[in-house]
Protein backbone atom coordinates (compact mmCIF):
# COMPACT_ATOMS: atom_id res chain seq x y z
CA MET A 1 -91.85 27.82 16.77
CA ASN A 2 -89.79 25.20 18.95
CA THR A 3 -87.01 27.82 19.57
CA ASN A 4 -89.74 30.26 21.07
CA LYS A 5 -91.15 27.95 23.35
CA LYS A 6 -87.58 27.25 24.59
CA GLN A 7 -86.61 30.84 25.33
CA ARG A 8 -89.64 31.32 26.96
CA GLY A 9 -89.29 28.36 29.31
CA LEU A 10 -85.70 29.55 29.93
CA GLY A 11 -87.23 33.15 30.66
CA GLY A 12 -89.80 31.60 33.27
CA SER A 13 -87.08 29.51 34.73
CA PHE A 14 -84.88 32.09 35.45
CA ILE A 15 -87.89 34.21 36.73
CA LEU A 16 -88.50 31.07 39.27
CA ILE A 17 -84.80 31.26 40.46
CA LEU A 18 -85.05 34.76 41.32
CA ILE A 19 -88.13 34.16 43.14
CA LEU A 20 -86.70 31.70 44.96
CA LEU A 21 -83.51 33.67 45.78
CA GLY A 22 -85.51 36.36 47.25
CA ILE A 23 -87.20 33.93 49.55
CA ALA A 24 -83.79 32.61 50.66
CA ILE A 25 -82.64 36.12 51.32
CA TRP A 26 -86.00 37.40 53.04
CA ILE A 27 -85.57 34.10 55.39
CA GLY A 28 -81.71 35.27 56.34
CA THR A 29 -82.94 39.16 56.94
CA MET A 30 -85.77 37.62 59.16
CA ARG A 31 -82.89 36.22 61.54
CA HIS A 32 -80.49 38.67 60.85
CA SER A 33 -82.20 42.22 60.49
CA GLU A 34 -81.06 45.56 61.38
CA THR A 35 -82.61 48.77 62.57
CA GLY A 36 -81.62 52.12 63.27
CA TYR A 37 -82.80 52.21 67.22
CA ASN A 38 -80.05 51.12 69.30
CA TRP A 39 -78.83 50.98 73.06
CA SER A 40 -78.13 54.86 73.38
CA ASP A 41 -81.82 55.72 71.96
CA PHE A 42 -83.07 53.33 74.47
CA GLU A 43 -81.26 54.86 77.70
CA ARG A 44 -82.29 58.32 76.13
CA ASP A 45 -85.95 57.64 75.87
CA LEU A 46 -85.78 55.91 79.31
CA LYS A 47 -84.33 59.05 80.91
CA GLU A 48 -86.88 61.31 79.23
CA GLU A 49 -90.04 59.22 80.04
CA SER A 50 -90.73 58.74 76.31
CA ILE A 51 -91.68 55.09 76.37
CA GLN A 52 -95.15 53.90 77.20
CA ASN A 53 -94.83 50.16 77.33
CA ALA A 54 -92.85 47.41 75.46
CA VAL A 55 -92.95 43.80 74.30
CA ILE A 56 -89.85 41.73 74.42
CA ALA A 57 -89.64 38.81 72.05
CA PRO A 58 -86.84 36.43 73.10
CA ASN A 59 -84.80 34.30 70.62
CA ALA A 60 -83.84 30.74 70.54
CA GLU A 61 -80.50 31.93 71.61
CA VAL A 62 -80.93 33.12 74.87
CA PRO A 63 -80.55 35.62 76.30
CA THR A 64 -80.72 37.84 72.80
CA GLY A 65 -83.99 38.89 71.53
CA VAL A 66 -86.16 41.76 70.18
CA VAL A 67 -88.01 44.55 72.30
CA THR A 68 -90.51 46.53 70.66
CA PHE A 69 -91.38 50.03 72.42
CA THR A 70 -94.40 51.92 71.97
CA MET A 71 -93.83 55.71 72.91
CA LYS A 72 -96.06 58.14 74.39
CA ASN A 73 -96.00 60.01 70.80
CA GLY A 74 -97.63 56.74 69.10
CA MET A 75 -94.35 55.96 67.30
CA THR A 76 -92.73 52.44 67.74
CA ALA A 77 -89.27 51.20 67.70
CA MET A 78 -87.44 48.20 67.76
CA LEU A 79 -84.08 47.33 69.76
CA PHE A 80 -82.31 44.05 68.76
CA THR A 81 -80.39 43.14 72.11
CA SER A 82 -77.84 40.58 73.23
CA ASP A 83 -79.02 41.24 77.06
CA ILE A 84 -82.88 41.05 77.68
CA THR A 85 -82.64 40.33 81.12
CA LYS A 86 -80.98 43.80 81.36
CA VAL A 87 -83.47 45.31 79.63
CA GLU A 88 -86.38 43.68 81.73
CA GLY A 89 -84.66 44.86 84.84
CA MET A 90 -84.38 48.63 83.43
CA LEU A 91 -88.02 48.72 82.37
CA GLN A 92 -89.15 47.53 85.98
CA THR A 93 -86.87 50.14 87.44
CA ALA A 94 -88.42 52.45 85.33
CA SER A 95 -92.12 51.33 86.00
CA ILE A 96 -92.81 50.63 82.79
CA THR A 97 -95.42 48.05 81.54
CA TYR A 98 -94.09 45.35 79.55
CA VAL A 99 -95.14 41.89 78.00
CA MET A 100 -93.01 39.01 78.02
CA LYS A 101 -93.80 36.61 74.61
CA ASP A 102 -93.22 32.76 75.09
CA MET A 103 -89.76 31.30 73.85
CA PRO A 104 -90.10 30.79 69.83
CA SER A 105 -90.06 27.27 68.82
CA GLU A 106 -87.45 26.57 65.79
CA ASN A 107 -88.76 25.85 62.26
CA TRP A 108 -85.85 23.34 61.24
CA PHE A 109 -87.28 23.06 57.88
CA LEU A 110 -87.56 26.46 56.89
CA TYR A 111 -83.96 27.42 58.66
CA TYR A 112 -82.06 24.42 57.61
CA VAL A 113 -83.62 22.26 55.05
CA PHE A 114 -85.36 24.67 52.59
CA PRO A 115 -82.07 26.79 51.83
CA MET A 116 -80.01 23.42 51.12
CA LEU A 117 -82.96 21.81 48.79
CA LEU A 118 -82.89 25.85 47.06
CA VAL A 119 -79.02 25.24 46.56
CA PHE A 120 -79.67 21.76 45.13
CA ILE A 121 -82.50 23.02 42.86
CA ILE A 122 -80.45 26.02 41.45
CA PHE A 123 -77.61 23.38 40.57
CA VAL A 124 -79.92 20.89 39.09
CA PHE A 125 -81.66 23.66 36.81
CA PHE A 126 -77.98 25.24 35.39
CA PHE A 127 -76.54 21.87 35.00
CA SER A 128 -79.63 20.71 32.95
CA MET A 129 -79.66 23.92 30.80
CA MET A 130 -75.96 23.91 29.93
CA ASN A 131 -77.17 20.24 28.74
CA THR A 132 -79.70 21.47 26.64
CA GLN A 133 -77.81 24.30 25.10
CA GLN A 134 -74.80 21.89 24.42
CA SER A 135 -77.10 19.53 22.65
CA GLY A 136 -78.71 22.28 20.75
CA GLY A 137 -75.48 23.75 19.12
CA GLY A 138 -75.09 27.17 18.07
CA ALA A 139 -73.29 30.03 19.70
CA ALA A 140 -75.03 29.17 23.22
CA GLY A 141 -73.50 25.85 22.87
CA ARG A 142 -69.98 27.09 23.05
CA MET A 143 -70.40 28.40 26.45
CA MET A 144 -68.89 25.24 28.13
CA ASN A 145 -66.66 24.53 25.64
CA PHE A 146 -62.92 25.71 26.38
CA GLY A 147 -61.56 24.12 23.07
CA LYS A 148 -62.94 26.74 20.91
CA SER A 149 -60.58 29.69 19.63
CA LYS A 150 -61.22 32.93 21.28
CA ALA A 151 -59.81 35.07 18.52
CA LYS A 152 -62.12 38.33 17.47
CA MET A 153 -62.73 38.26 13.70
CA THR A 154 -62.92 41.48 11.93
CA GLY A 155 -64.61 41.31 8.83
CA ALA A 156 -63.66 42.55 5.34
CA GLY A 157 -64.38 46.17 5.12
CA GLU A 158 -64.73 46.35 9.02
CA SER A 159 -61.11 47.87 10.00
CA LYS A 160 -60.79 51.44 9.56
CA ILE A 161 -57.20 51.44 10.17
CA THR A 162 -54.89 51.92 7.20
CA PHE A 163 -51.31 52.43 6.53
CA ALA A 164 -51.88 56.30 6.37
CA ASP A 165 -52.69 55.75 10.04
CA VAL A 166 -48.97 54.52 10.61
CA ALA A 167 -46.32 57.04 10.54
CA GLY A 168 -42.55 56.86 11.15
CA LEU A 169 -42.32 53.31 9.87
CA LYS A 170 -41.65 53.77 6.10
CA GLU A 171 -39.57 50.47 5.29
CA GLU A 172 -41.94 48.54 7.20
CA LYS A 173 -45.00 49.43 5.21
CA GLU A 174 -43.15 48.95 2.02
CA ASP A 175 -42.11 45.11 3.06
CA LEU A 176 -45.81 44.70 4.24
CA GLU A 177 -47.35 46.24 1.06
CA GLU A 178 -46.17 42.96 -0.83
CA ILE A 179 -48.38 40.77 1.56
CA VAL A 180 -51.49 43.31 0.87
CA ASP A 181 -51.08 43.29 -2.64
CA PHE A 182 -50.78 39.44 -2.44
CA LEU A 183 -54.17 39.33 -0.82
CA ARG A 184 -55.68 41.72 -3.30
CA ASP A 185 -54.46 39.70 -6.32
CA PRO A 186 -52.54 36.45 -5.83
CA GLY A 187 -52.72 35.17 -9.37
CA LYS A 188 -50.02 37.84 -10.23
CA TYR A 189 -47.68 36.08 -8.04
CA THR A 190 -48.80 32.46 -8.72
CA LYS A 191 -48.20 32.78 -12.44
CA VAL A 192 -44.25 33.35 -11.63
CA GLY A 193 -44.20 30.51 -9.43
CA ALA A 194 -44.09 32.93 -6.27
CA ARG A 195 -44.93 31.99 -3.08
CA ILE A 196 -46.16 34.68 -0.49
CA PRO A 197 -44.59 34.21 2.94
CA LYS A 198 -46.78 32.08 5.18
CA GLY A 199 -46.01 33.97 8.01
CA VAL A 200 -44.35 37.33 9.07
CA LEU A 201 -42.76 38.27 12.45
CA LEU A 202 -42.87 41.81 13.74
CA GLU A 203 -40.10 42.06 16.33
CA GLY A 204 -39.18 45.29 18.31
CA PRO A 205 -39.15 47.28 21.71
CA PRO A 206 -42.90 47.94 22.94
CA GLY A 207 -44.87 50.65 21.98
CA THR A 208 -43.20 50.75 18.40
CA GLY A 209 -46.52 50.13 16.79
CA LYS A 210 -46.45 46.27 16.13
CA THR A 211 -50.00 45.75 16.36
CA LEU A 212 -50.85 49.12 14.90
CA LEU A 213 -49.15 47.67 11.67
CA ALA A 214 -51.00 44.61 11.67
CA LYS A 215 -54.43 46.56 11.86
CA ALA A 216 -53.31 48.43 9.13
CA ILE A 217 -52.59 45.44 6.86
CA ALA A 218 -56.16 44.34 7.52
CA GLY A 219 -57.47 47.48 6.49
CA GLU A 220 -55.87 47.76 3.47
CA ALA A 221 -55.98 44.15 2.32
CA ASN A 222 -59.94 44.60 2.80
CA VAL A 223 -59.94 40.80 4.22
CA PRO A 224 -61.18 39.12 7.26
CA PHE A 225 -59.03 39.35 10.33
CA PHE A 226 -58.28 36.97 13.12
CA SER A 227 -56.76 38.84 15.85
CA ILE A 228 -55.93 37.09 19.37
CA SER A 229 -52.96 37.23 22.02
CA GLY A 230 -50.43 34.55 22.88
CA SER A 231 -51.59 33.99 25.99
CA ASP A 232 -55.49 33.15 25.52
CA PHE A 233 -54.30 29.80 23.97
CA VAL A 234 -52.65 28.79 27.25
CA GLU A 235 -55.05 27.20 29.90
CA MET A 236 -54.43 25.49 33.17
CA PHE A 237 -56.74 22.30 31.41
CA VAL A 238 -54.31 19.92 29.53
CA GLY A 239 -55.05 19.96 25.82
CA VAL A 240 -57.33 23.27 25.58
CA GLY A 241 -54.22 25.23 23.85
CA ALA A 242 -53.89 23.22 21.10
CA SER A 243 -57.76 22.93 20.43
CA ARG A 244 -58.09 26.15 20.35
CA VAL A 245 -55.29 26.47 17.53
CA ARG A 246 -57.11 23.90 15.71
CA ASP A 247 -60.29 25.67 15.75
CA LEU A 248 -58.75 29.39 14.83
CA PHE A 249 -57.15 27.51 11.70
CA GLU A 250 -60.32 25.95 11.02
CA GLU A 251 -62.26 29.18 11.08
CA ALA A 252 -59.92 31.02 9.07
CA LYS A 253 -59.95 28.16 6.19
CA LYS A 254 -63.78 29.08 5.96
CA HIS A 255 -62.72 32.89 5.23
CA HIS A 256 -59.61 32.27 3.41
CA PRO A 257 -57.96 34.40 2.03
CA CYS A 258 -57.59 36.33 5.53
CA ILE A 259 -55.12 37.06 8.15
CA VAL A 260 -54.53 35.61 11.28
CA PHE A 261 -52.69 37.95 13.89
CA ILE A 262 -51.15 36.60 17.16
CA ASP A 263 -50.32 39.45 19.39
CA GLU A 264 -47.38 38.74 22.02
CA ILE A 265 -46.53 35.11 20.38
CA ASP A 266 -43.66 35.08 23.20
CA ALA A 267 -46.51 33.82 25.59
CA VAL A 268 -47.06 30.63 23.60
CA ALA A 269 -44.00 29.76 21.26
CA ARG A 270 -41.01 29.80 23.90
CA ARG A 271 -38.17 27.44 23.49
CA ARG A 272 -39.22 23.80 24.50
CA GLY A 273 -37.78 21.72 26.70
CA THR A 274 -35.84 24.10 28.70
CA GLY A 275 -36.25 26.76 31.55
CA MET A 276 -37.87 25.97 35.05
CA GLY A 277 -40.76 23.75 33.53
CA GLY A 278 -41.15 20.29 32.50
CA GLY A 279 -40.97 19.18 28.55
CA HIS A 280 -44.84 18.33 28.56
CA ASP A 281 -46.17 21.23 29.88
CA GLU A 282 -49.57 22.73 28.34
CA ARG A 283 -47.71 25.61 26.45
CA GLU A 284 -45.68 23.23 24.81
CA GLN A 285 -48.52 21.18 23.57
CA THR A 286 -49.87 24.29 22.34
CA LEU A 287 -46.81 25.42 20.22
CA ASN A 288 -46.49 21.98 18.86
CA GLN A 289 -50.04 22.23 17.39
CA LEU A 290 -49.07 25.90 16.04
CA LEU A 291 -45.97 24.44 14.41
CA VAL A 292 -48.14 21.97 12.63
CA GLU A 293 -50.69 24.10 11.71
CA MET A 294 -48.23 26.99 10.06
CA ASP A 295 -46.41 24.11 7.98
CA GLY A 296 -47.14 20.82 8.36
CA PHE A 297 -49.13 18.02 6.66
CA GLY A 298 -52.20 20.31 6.63
CA ILE A 299 -52.70 22.62 3.78
CA ASN A 300 -53.37 26.53 5.16
CA GLU A 301 -53.46 28.25 1.74
CA GLY A 302 -54.59 31.48 1.63
CA ILE A 303 -53.98 32.08 5.44
CA ILE A 304 -51.05 34.46 6.32
CA VAL A 305 -49.90 34.64 9.91
CA LEU A 306 -48.67 37.91 11.67
CA ALA A 307 -47.13 37.78 14.95
CA ALA A 308 -45.65 40.29 17.19
CA THR A 309 -43.00 40.33 19.92
CA ASN A 310 -40.65 42.19 21.63
CA ARG A 311 -38.46 39.20 22.69
CA VAL A 312 -37.73 37.35 19.55
CA ASP A 313 -34.56 35.70 21.81
CA ILE A 314 -36.62 33.36 23.71
CA LEU A 315 -38.98 32.03 20.52
CA ASP A 316 -38.33 28.49 19.67
CA PRO A 317 -35.87 28.20 16.36
CA ALA A 318 -38.60 25.75 14.88
CA ILE A 319 -41.07 28.36 14.57
CA MET A 320 -38.61 30.72 13.20
CA ARG A 321 -37.57 29.06 9.97
CA PRO A 322 -38.57 29.81 6.68
CA GLY A 323 -42.19 28.07 5.70
CA ARG A 324 -43.26 29.21 9.08
CA PHE A 325 -42.38 32.65 9.72
CA ASP A 326 -40.70 33.38 6.28
CA ARG A 327 -40.24 37.37 6.97
CA LYS A 328 -38.57 38.94 9.94
CA ILE A 329 -39.55 42.80 10.04
CA GLY A 330 -37.88 44.85 12.76
CA VAL A 331 -39.93 47.65 14.15
CA GLY A 332 -37.55 49.96 15.36
CA ARG A 333 -37.83 53.09 17.64
CA PRO A 334 -38.57 56.06 14.95
CA ASP A 335 -35.82 58.31 13.62
CA VAL A 336 -36.40 62.27 14.06
CA LYS A 337 -38.49 62.31 10.91
CA GLY A 338 -40.47 59.57 11.96
CA ARG A 339 -41.01 61.07 15.41
CA GLU A 340 -42.14 64.24 13.58
CA ASP A 341 -44.65 62.24 11.46
CA ILE A 342 -46.05 60.52 14.45
CA LEU A 343 -46.45 63.78 16.56
CA ARG A 344 -48.40 65.52 13.40
CA ILE A 345 -51.00 62.32 13.69
CA HIS A 346 -51.29 62.57 17.49
CA ALA A 347 -51.56 66.44 17.10
CA LYS A 348 -54.65 66.34 14.63
CA ASN A 349 -57.06 66.61 17.16
CA LYS A 350 -55.36 68.76 19.38
CA PRO A 351 -55.66 72.74 19.11
CA LEU A 352 -51.83 74.09 19.59
CA ALA A 353 -50.57 77.23 20.35
CA GLU A 354 -48.20 79.20 17.73
CA ASP A 355 -45.21 78.84 19.92
CA VAL A 356 -45.58 74.55 19.84
CA ASP A 357 -43.33 73.39 17.21
CA ILE A 358 -43.78 69.92 16.15
CA LYS A 359 -40.08 69.76 14.39
CA GLN A 360 -38.45 71.03 17.61
CA ILE A 361 -40.28 68.34 19.91
CA ALA A 362 -39.30 65.62 17.38
CA GLN A 363 -35.52 66.88 17.82
CA THR A 364 -35.89 66.88 21.60
CA THR A 365 -37.52 63.20 21.91
CA ALA A 366 -34.57 60.75 20.97
CA GLY A 367 -35.20 57.64 21.96
CA PHE A 368 -38.94 57.98 22.23
CA THR A 369 -41.49 55.15 20.78
CA GLY A 370 -44.54 56.05 18.98
CA ALA A 371 -46.39 54.98 22.24
CA ASP A 372 -44.24 57.31 24.20
CA LEU A 373 -44.87 60.49 21.62
CA GLU A 374 -48.71 59.65 21.96
CA ASN A 375 -48.41 59.98 25.40
CA LEU A 376 -46.55 63.25 25.62
CA MET A 377 -49.29 64.79 23.41
CA ASN A 378 -52.02 63.44 25.44
CA GLU A 379 -50.40 64.55 28.90
CA SER A 380 -50.07 67.90 27.20
CA ALA A 381 -53.75 68.06 26.10
CA ILE A 382 -54.46 67.30 29.81
CA LEU A 383 -52.51 69.81 31.21
CA ALA A 384 -54.03 72.46 29.15
CA ALA A 385 -57.34 71.17 29.90
CA LYS A 386 -56.69 71.28 33.35
CA GLU A 387 -56.20 74.91 33.29
CA ASN A 388 -59.43 75.37 31.54
CA ARG A 389 -57.28 76.46 28.28
CA PRO A 390 -58.70 75.30 24.66
CA PHE A 391 -55.63 75.14 23.24
CA VAL A 392 -51.87 73.33 24.22
CA ILE A 393 -49.10 75.77 24.67
CA TYR A 394 -45.44 74.83 24.63
CA GLU A 395 -45.30 75.06 28.49
CA ASP A 396 -47.72 72.03 28.50
CA VAL A 397 -45.28 70.05 26.07
CA LYS A 398 -42.38 70.69 28.31
CA LYS A 399 -44.28 69.75 31.82
CA ALA A 400 -45.61 66.66 30.17
CA PHE A 401 -42.02 66.08 28.73
CA ILE A 402 -40.84 65.91 32.64
CA LYS A 403 -43.93 63.63 33.85
CA VAL A 404 -43.32 61.35 30.92
CA GLY A 405 -39.38 60.81 31.72
CA ILE A 406 -39.27 61.41 35.37
CA GLY A 407 -42.46 61.13 36.64
CA SER A 408 -44.79 63.66 38.49
CA GLU A 409 -43.09 65.74 40.86
CA LYS A 410 -44.29 65.75 44.69
CA LYS A 411 -44.32 69.35 46.05
CA SER A 412 -46.37 68.57 48.99
CA ARG A 413 -43.76 66.38 50.36
CA VAL A 414 -42.03 68.00 53.44
CA ILE A 415 -38.29 67.88 53.29
CA SER A 416 -35.69 69.23 56.18
CA ASP A 417 -33.29 72.10 55.01
CA LYS A 418 -30.29 69.61 55.28
CA GLU A 419 -31.67 67.28 52.57
CA LYS A 420 -32.42 69.88 50.46
CA LYS A 421 -28.93 71.33 50.61
CA ILE A 422 -27.46 67.51 49.91
CA THR A 423 -29.75 67.07 47.06
CA ALA A 424 -29.14 70.21 45.44
CA TYR A 425 -25.35 69.98 45.43
CA HIS A 426 -26.07 66.28 44.10
CA GLU A 427 -27.69 67.29 41.31
CA ALA A 428 -25.42 70.19 40.81
CA GLY A 429 -22.81 67.76 40.69
CA HIS A 430 -24.54 65.65 37.64
CA ALA A 431 -25.37 68.83 35.83
CA ILE A 432 -21.85 70.25 35.78
CA LEU A 433 -20.38 67.02 34.16
CA PHE A 434 -23.22 66.77 31.51
CA HIS A 435 -22.45 70.29 30.64
CA VAL A 436 -18.74 70.00 30.44
CA LEU A 437 -18.38 66.67 29.33
CA PRO A 438 -18.29 66.79 25.21
CA GLU A 439 -20.23 63.51 24.69
CA MET A 440 -22.93 64.49 26.98
CA ASP A 441 -26.51 65.68 26.05
CA PRO A 442 -27.00 69.31 27.36
CA VAL A 443 -29.00 69.71 30.58
CA TYR A 444 -32.60 70.28 30.03
CA THR A 445 -33.84 70.74 33.67
CA ILE A 446 -32.40 70.61 37.26
CA SER A 447 -34.96 69.87 40.11
CA ILE A 448 -34.84 69.23 43.78
CA ILE A 449 -38.53 68.59 44.24
CA PRO A 450 -38.89 64.76 44.74
CA THR A 451 -40.73 62.69 42.27
CA GLY A 452 -43.11 59.56 41.97
CA VAL A 453 -40.16 57.27 41.24
CA GLY A 454 -38.72 57.80 44.57
CA ALA A 455 -36.03 60.24 43.87
CA ALA A 456 -35.33 63.38 45.82
CA GLY A 457 -34.70 65.55 42.68
CA TYR A 458 -33.61 64.69 39.10
CA THR A 459 -31.24 66.28 36.39
CA MET A 460 -32.65 65.75 32.86
CA PRO A 461 -30.48 65.52 29.76
CA LEU A 462 -31.87 66.51 26.60
CA PRO A 463 -30.99 64.31 23.70
CA GLU A 464 -30.41 66.26 20.53
CA LYS A 465 -29.28 63.48 18.05
CA ASP A 466 -30.10 59.70 17.19
CA GLU A 467 -27.26 57.20 18.30
CA MET A 468 -27.17 53.67 16.74
CA PHE A 469 -24.29 52.64 18.80
CA MET A 470 -22.15 53.68 21.84
CA THR A 471 -18.38 54.60 21.72
CA LYS A 472 -15.91 53.74 24.44
CA GLY A 473 -15.66 57.29 25.19
CA HIS A 474 -19.27 57.82 25.42
CA MET A 475 -19.50 54.95 27.89
CA LEU A 476 -16.89 56.43 30.02
CA GLN A 477 -18.46 59.58 30.26
CA ASP A 478 -21.55 58.20 31.34
CA ILE A 479 -19.91 56.34 34.21
CA MET A 480 -18.54 59.72 35.16
CA VAL A 481 -22.06 61.19 35.03
CA ASP A 482 -23.57 58.70 37.36
CA LEU A 483 -20.72 59.15 39.77
CA GLY A 484 -20.93 63.13 39.86
CA GLY A 485 -23.90 63.36 42.62
CA ARG A 486 -21.74 61.16 44.97
CA ILE A 487 -18.56 63.28 44.34
CA ALA A 488 -20.37 66.58 44.87
CA GLU A 489 -21.32 65.30 48.20
CA GLU A 490 -17.90 64.15 49.43
CA ILE A 491 -16.57 67.22 48.29
CA ILE A 492 -18.85 69.71 50.24
CA PHE A 493 -20.32 67.83 53.21
CA ASP A 494 -17.14 65.19 53.74
CA ASP A 495 -19.58 62.91 53.91
CA ILE A 496 -21.58 60.57 51.89
CA THR A 497 -25.22 59.40 51.75
CA THR A 498 -27.36 56.84 50.34
CA GLY A 499 -29.13 58.81 47.64
CA ALA A 500 -26.28 57.67 44.94
CA SER A 501 -27.09 53.86 45.02
CA SER A 502 -28.87 54.18 41.94
CA ASP A 503 -26.17 55.82 40.10
CA ILE A 504 -23.43 53.48 41.27
CA LYS A 505 -25.44 50.46 40.36
CA LYS A 506 -25.97 52.16 36.59
CA ALA A 507 -22.25 52.97 36.69
CA THR A 508 -21.08 49.17 37.52
CA GLN A 509 -23.31 48.01 35.30
CA VAL A 510 -21.89 49.96 32.20
CA ALA A 511 -18.36 49.08 33.34
CA ARG A 512 -19.04 45.45 33.38
CA SER A 513 -20.87 45.56 30.09
CA MET A 514 -17.55 47.42 28.73
CA VAL A 515 -15.45 44.60 30.11
CA THR A 516 -17.56 41.38 29.74
CA ARG A 517 -19.70 42.35 26.61
CA PHE A 518 -18.14 44.63 24.28
CA GLY A 519 -14.40 43.80 24.70
CA MET A 520 -13.52 47.58 25.62
CA SER A 521 -10.81 46.52 28.07
CA GLU A 522 -7.22 45.81 27.20
CA LEU A 523 -6.45 43.45 30.03
CA ILE A 524 -9.38 41.29 29.28
CA GLY A 525 -9.23 41.59 25.49
CA THR A 526 -12.06 41.18 23.00
CA VAL A 527 -13.51 38.27 24.33
CA ASN A 528 -17.40 37.78 25.43
CA TYR A 529 -17.54 36.90 29.22
CA ASP A 530 -21.27 37.89 29.57
CA ASP A 531 -22.86 35.12 31.71
CA ASP A 532 -26.58 35.88 30.79
CA SER A 533 -27.67 35.15 34.16
CA ASP A 534 -31.40 35.58 33.58
CA GLU A 535 -31.37 32.68 30.60
CA VAL A 536 -33.18 30.45 32.96
CA PHE A 537 -35.96 32.64 33.50
CA ILE A 538 -36.51 33.60 29.78
CA GLY A 539 -36.44 29.92 28.66
CA ARG A 540 -33.21 28.86 28.44
CA ASP A 541 -31.24 26.07 30.07
CA LEU A 542 -31.30 25.54 33.86
CA ALA A 543 -27.97 24.21 33.88
CA HIS A 544 -26.22 26.95 33.42
CA ALA A 545 -22.32 26.31 32.81
CA LYS A 546 -19.94 28.97 33.78
CA THR A 547 -18.14 30.38 30.95
CA THR A 548 -15.11 32.15 33.13
CA SER A 549 -12.04 30.63 35.47
CA GLU A 550 -11.79 31.87 38.84
CA ALA A 551 -8.89 33.62 37.90
CA VAL A 552 -10.63 35.24 34.64
CA THR A 553 -13.52 36.30 37.14
CA GLY A 554 -10.81 37.97 39.60
CA GLN A 555 -9.49 40.14 36.67
CA ILE A 556 -12.92 41.22 35.31
CA ASP A 557 -13.68 42.43 38.86
CA ALA A 558 -10.43 44.10 38.95
CA GLU A 559 -11.11 45.79 35.49
CA VAL A 560 -14.43 47.09 36.73
CA LYS A 561 -13.26 48.45 39.81
CA ARG A 562 -10.25 50.10 37.90
CA ILE A 563 -12.50 51.89 35.17
CA ILE A 564 -15.01 53.20 37.83
CA THR A 565 -11.72 54.50 40.01
CA GLU A 566 -10.40 56.36 37.01
CA CYS A 567 -13.81 57.71 36.09
CA TYR A 568 -14.47 58.86 39.65
CA ASP A 569 -10.69 60.47 39.86
CA LYS A 570 -11.74 62.35 36.52
CA ALA A 571 -15.06 63.56 37.29
CA LYS A 572 -13.88 64.70 40.82
CA SER A 573 -11.28 67.10 39.30
CA ILE A 574 -13.41 68.28 36.85
CA ILE A 575 -16.26 69.10 39.49
CA GLU A 576 -13.21 70.55 41.58
CA GLU A 577 -12.30 72.97 38.91
CA HIS A 578 -15.87 74.10 38.56
CA ILE A 579 -16.25 74.64 42.25
CA ASP A 580 -17.74 78.15 42.06
CA VAL A 581 -20.60 76.91 39.40
CA LEU A 582 -21.25 73.92 42.06
CA HIS A 583 -21.82 76.32 44.64
CA ALA A 584 -23.80 79.17 42.43
CA CYS A 585 -25.93 76.31 41.02
CA ALA A 586 -26.80 74.53 44.41
CA LYS A 587 -27.67 78.09 45.66
CA LEU A 588 -30.14 78.80 42.65
CA LEU A 589 -31.58 75.46 43.37
CA LEU A 590 -32.39 76.16 46.93
CA GLU A 591 -33.99 79.34 45.92
CA LYS A 592 -36.31 78.13 43.16
CA GLU A 593 -36.20 74.42 43.61
CA ARG A 594 -36.24 74.16 39.82
CA ILE A 595 -34.10 75.54 36.76
CA SER A 596 -33.88 75.63 33.10
CA ARG A 597 -31.22 74.94 30.56
CA ASP A 598 -30.60 78.80 29.88
CA GLU A 599 -30.48 79.33 33.76
CA PHE A 600 -27.84 76.57 34.41
CA GLU A 601 -25.51 77.40 31.18
CA ALA A 602 -25.69 81.27 32.62
CA LEU A 603 -23.88 80.28 35.82
CA PHE A 604 -20.64 78.75 33.71
CA GLU A 605 -20.77 82.57 31.60
CA GLN A 606 -20.77 84.39 35.05
CA ALA A 607 -17.97 81.94 36.28
CA LYS A 608 -15.88 83.27 33.29
CA VAL A 609 -16.17 87.12 34.35
C-alpha cells in the first residue's frame, strides 16, 4: 500500500516537473518566437498594395519590435524586425494606417526570478528523490552507488551457446571440458584430492573466439555466468574499482558454483608500479583487490574466474601465478581444418550456389581468424543481396575476399593517365617477384584501382599453406617483393615516386628484425638487440636502458642497409630478366584495371613462346 502511494507520488511529481518545464519553454518562446513572414514578404506586399493597416508593438530593446499586418484579403501576418523606425517610415510613404503601441514594461519576476526559482525547485526535487530511493534500498537505490558491480548475470540454463557452436578450437575445448565437468560433478574430483583451477586465462590474437569460448562454457555447465569487461571496473573516482570487485565476488558467492568472466582483463591487470602513471592510481588499487579475491585470505569456493586478453605480455606477474590463473590456454588462429569448420557454421543460414566450395575457401584464407571468416561470409551475403540474388555465388566470395583483405575499391576517383601508368608498372613489379621467387605465394589479383586504405593499387597474394615460422630465405624474399614496385619505377621511368614509402618501411622493419631479434646476421651474430621501444606504453619501465653500444648500433645500421641493398640488386636483376612480362602486365592492367591469377600467369607462358 505504501509502495503504491510512493509510486503515485513520484508520478505526480514528474507531471508537475513537466508542467513547470513547459511553462519555462513557453516563456522563452514568448520572447524569442519565429514566424514565416519575413522582410522580403513585407516589401512584396507593400509593392502590391496588399496591406490594409498595421500595429507596431515595440520591444524593451529599442528599436526592435513586432509589426502585425492586416491584409486586404482579411489575413494577418507578423513581422519581427530589428528596426521599427524603418518600417514606420515605409508605412508612412505608402500611406498605410498604423498604430504605435506603448513601450511595454518588463516583468522582472516572470523573465528572471521565475526561471531561477524553477531550476532550484527541480534540483531540490531530484535531490530528495535520490535520498528517498537510497534510504528505501532495493534496485532503485543502486542508481547513485558507483561501487556496485556492473557485471551482467546469465542464469543457469539461459545461455544457448554450447561447444557445438564453437568450431576450429578442438584442443582448447578439450582443456575447458574439465572445468565444465567439475561444475557438473565436483565430488568426483574432491574424492581424489584434486583442486579444480581457480582461474583460466584465454590468450590469443583478436577475433580467435576467446569470448565465444567463455559463453560456451556457461552454456555447457548450466551454471550462473557473470560477465564484465575489465574497463568496467576502473572509474575516475578513487576506490570505485576495488569496491566493484568486492561486490562482484560477493554476488558470485551467493550463486556458487558459478563462472565469473572478465573480458579484456589487461585493462585492469597491467603491471603495477611501472609505465607513465604513479604507483597508487585507481587501476592498481583495483588490481590489488582482484588479487586478494582470487587467492587471498578470503575463500571463494565454487567460483571459477575466466579471463580473456590479447596482451598477455603486459599482465602483472602476480595474477599469472598458479592459484589465481592456474591454467593458460592459447587460442590461436585456426588451421585449414578449423577454418573449414568455422566457415560451415557461418554458412548455415546462407544459401550457397554450387560453385561455392567451402574447402577451397578454407585453403585460400590462411591466417584468417574466426572473426575474419565470419566477416568474409557476411560480406559475401551482402554482395548477393545488393544484386537481388537469393543465393551466394563464388564471385561474391572473391569480391568479399578483396574487400576484407585490401579494402573497398574507389572506382570513382579520378586519376591521370601518367599516374595510372606508374601504378601499373609498380604493381607489375611486385607481381613478377611474387611469381618468380619460390618461397612466395602465388598472385591472386592485381589491380590499379585505388582502395579505401589510400593505395593507388594493390597486388594481392594467395596464401596456400599455414606457416608456423619464417625462414631466413623467406624473409629475404619478402624484402625483395616489397622493393619490386620501386625497382620497376626506376627501370621504366628513370625516376621514382613516393608511392613505395610503405613498401620501404615494411622492408626495413623485416631487415632490422632479422638482425636484432632473430640472429640472422653473421656480422652481429645470434644476439638479441631488440630495444622494445614501446615498453613504456604497454606498462613497462619508463627509464628504459640502452642495450647496445654506439659501435654495435652502427654495425646494426650497416647490416640492415647491406641486406636491403643486396635484396634490391637481386630483385632488380629478376625484373630486368622478365622485362617483357613487365611491359605486357602493365599494358593489360591499363586496359582492364584488374587482372586475375590466370591472366597474369598466361603472360609468362606467352613470353616463353
